[in-house]
């Protein structure tokens, strides 16, 4: 995380296993936009209500700094459209 914080990148995509609260506190003063970190397997196998809950939690953990909600890796083939829509519509 310190390598990312000391890099000169504007944004960094985090896998679903990264703790967004830790990433946020580490990168907060570095002005690095965080991208990610919804588990792609949860997107594949979960229900829309669960996806929305996970997305709201991720947004809360990311804090008030720059954050782009996205899958924490590639989205698996066969992911239900309803789950992707639930992620995209979460505020």
Protein backbone atom coordinates (compact mmCIF):
# COMPACT_ATOMS: atom_id res chain seq x y z
CA UNK A 1 0.00 0.00 0.00
CA UNK A 2 2.87 2.37 0.74
CA UNK A 3 4.23 1.83 -2.77
CA UNK A 4 0.86 2.84 -4.22
CA UNK A 5 0.63 5.81 -1.87
CA UNK A 6 4.06 7.04 -2.94
CA UNK A 7 3.50 6.50 -6.64
CA UNK A 8 2.42 9.28 -8.95
CA UNK A 9 -0.77 7.57 -10.14
CA UNK A 10 -4.10 9.37 -10.17
CA UNK A 11 -6.16 6.23 -9.56
CA UNK A 12 -5.62 2.64 -8.49
CA UNK A 13 -7.88 -0.39 -8.87
CA UNK A 14 -8.16 -2.59 -5.78
CA UNK A 15 -8.98 -6.28 -5.74
CA UNK A 16 -11.95 -7.36 -3.65
CA UNK A 17 -9.67 -8.64 -0.88
CA UNK A 18 -8.22 -5.20 -0.07
CA UNK A 19 -9.63 -3.47 3.01
CA UNK A 20 -11.02 -0.18 1.69
CA UNK A 21 -10.88 1.49 5.10
CA UNK A 22 -7.16 0.75 5.32
CA UNK A 23 -6.61 1.84 1.72
CA UNK A 24 -8.55 5.04 2.36
CA UNK A 25 -6.54 6.00 5.43
CA UNK A 26 -3.27 5.15 3.67
CA UNK A 27 -4.10 7.02 0.46
CA UNK A 28 -6.26 9.81 1.87
CA UNK A 29 -3.60 12.51 1.78
CA UNK A 30 -2.14 11.24 -1.48
CA UNK A 31 -5.19 12.17 -3.54
CA UNK A 32 -5.31 8.79 -5.27
CA UNK A 33 -8.74 7.77 -6.49
CA UNK A 34 -9.64 4.26 -5.41
CA UNK A 35 -11.39 1.93 -7.86
CA UNK A 36 -13.03 -1.39 -7.10
CA UNK A 37 -13.52 -3.61 -4.85
CA UNK A 38 -16.76 -5.57 -5.15
CA UNK A 39 -16.12 -9.32 -5.12
CA UNK A 40 -16.80 -10.65 -8.65
CA UNK A 41 -17.93 -14.03 -7.30
CA UNK A 42 -20.53 -12.25 -5.17
CA UNK A 43 -21.67 -10.43 -8.31
CA UNK A 44 -22.03 -13.79 -10.05
CA UNK A 45 -23.72 -15.71 -7.26
CA UNK A 46 -25.39 -13.10 -5.05
CA UNK A 47 -28.82 -11.53 -5.08
CA UNK A 48 -29.38 -7.86 -6.02
CA UNK A 49 -30.26 -6.92 -2.43
CA UNK A 50 -26.92 -8.35 -1.25
CA UNK A 51 -25.05 -6.57 -4.03
CA UNK A 52 -26.57 -3.23 -3.03
CA UNK A 53 -25.61 -3.83 0.63
CA UNK A 54 -22.00 -4.67 -0.32
CA UNK A 55 -21.80 -1.63 -2.56
CA UNK A 56 -23.12 0.69 0.15
CA UNK A 57 -20.58 -0.75 2.59
CA UNK A 58 -17.76 -0.20 0.08
CA UNK A 59 -18.85 3.39 -0.51
CA UNK A 60 -18.97 4.03 3.25
CA UNK A 61 -15.52 2.50 3.78
CA UNK A 62 -14.00 4.47 0.91
CA UNK A 63 -14.91 7.70 2.69
CA UNK A 64 -15.36 11.11 1.17
CA UNK A 65 -12.29 10.90 -1.05
CA UNK A 66 -12.41 9.91 -4.71
CA UNK A 67 -13.89 6.46 -5.24
CA UNK A 68 -15.16 4.65 -8.30
CA UNK A 69 -17.32 1.66 -7.43
CA UNK A 70 -16.44 -1.32 -9.63
CA UNK A 71 -15.81 -5.03 -9.55
CA UNK A 72 -12.62 -6.01 -7.74
CA UNK A 73 -11.46 -8.01 -10.77
CA UNK A 74 -12.92 -9.25 -14.06
CA UNK A 75 -16.68 -9.78 -14.06
CA UNK A 76 -17.34 -13.48 -14.68
CA UNK A 77 -19.32 -14.66 -17.70
CA UNK A 78 -22.88 -15.39 -16.70
CA UNK A 79 -23.11 -12.64 -14.09
CA UNK A 80 -26.81 -11.77 -13.86
CA UNK A 81 -27.70 -8.43 -15.41
CA UNK A 82 -29.82 -7.66 -12.33
CA UNK A 83 -26.72 -7.87 -10.14
CA UNK A 84 -24.74 -5.51 -12.37
CA UNK A 85 -27.66 -3.09 -12.44
CA UNK A 86 -27.87 -3.26 -8.63
CA UNK A 87 -24.18 -2.33 -8.41
CA UNK A 88 -24.52 0.51 -10.91
CA UNK A 89 -27.59 1.99 -9.25
CA UNK A 90 -26.20 2.00 -5.71
CA UNK A 91 -25.75 5.45 -4.25
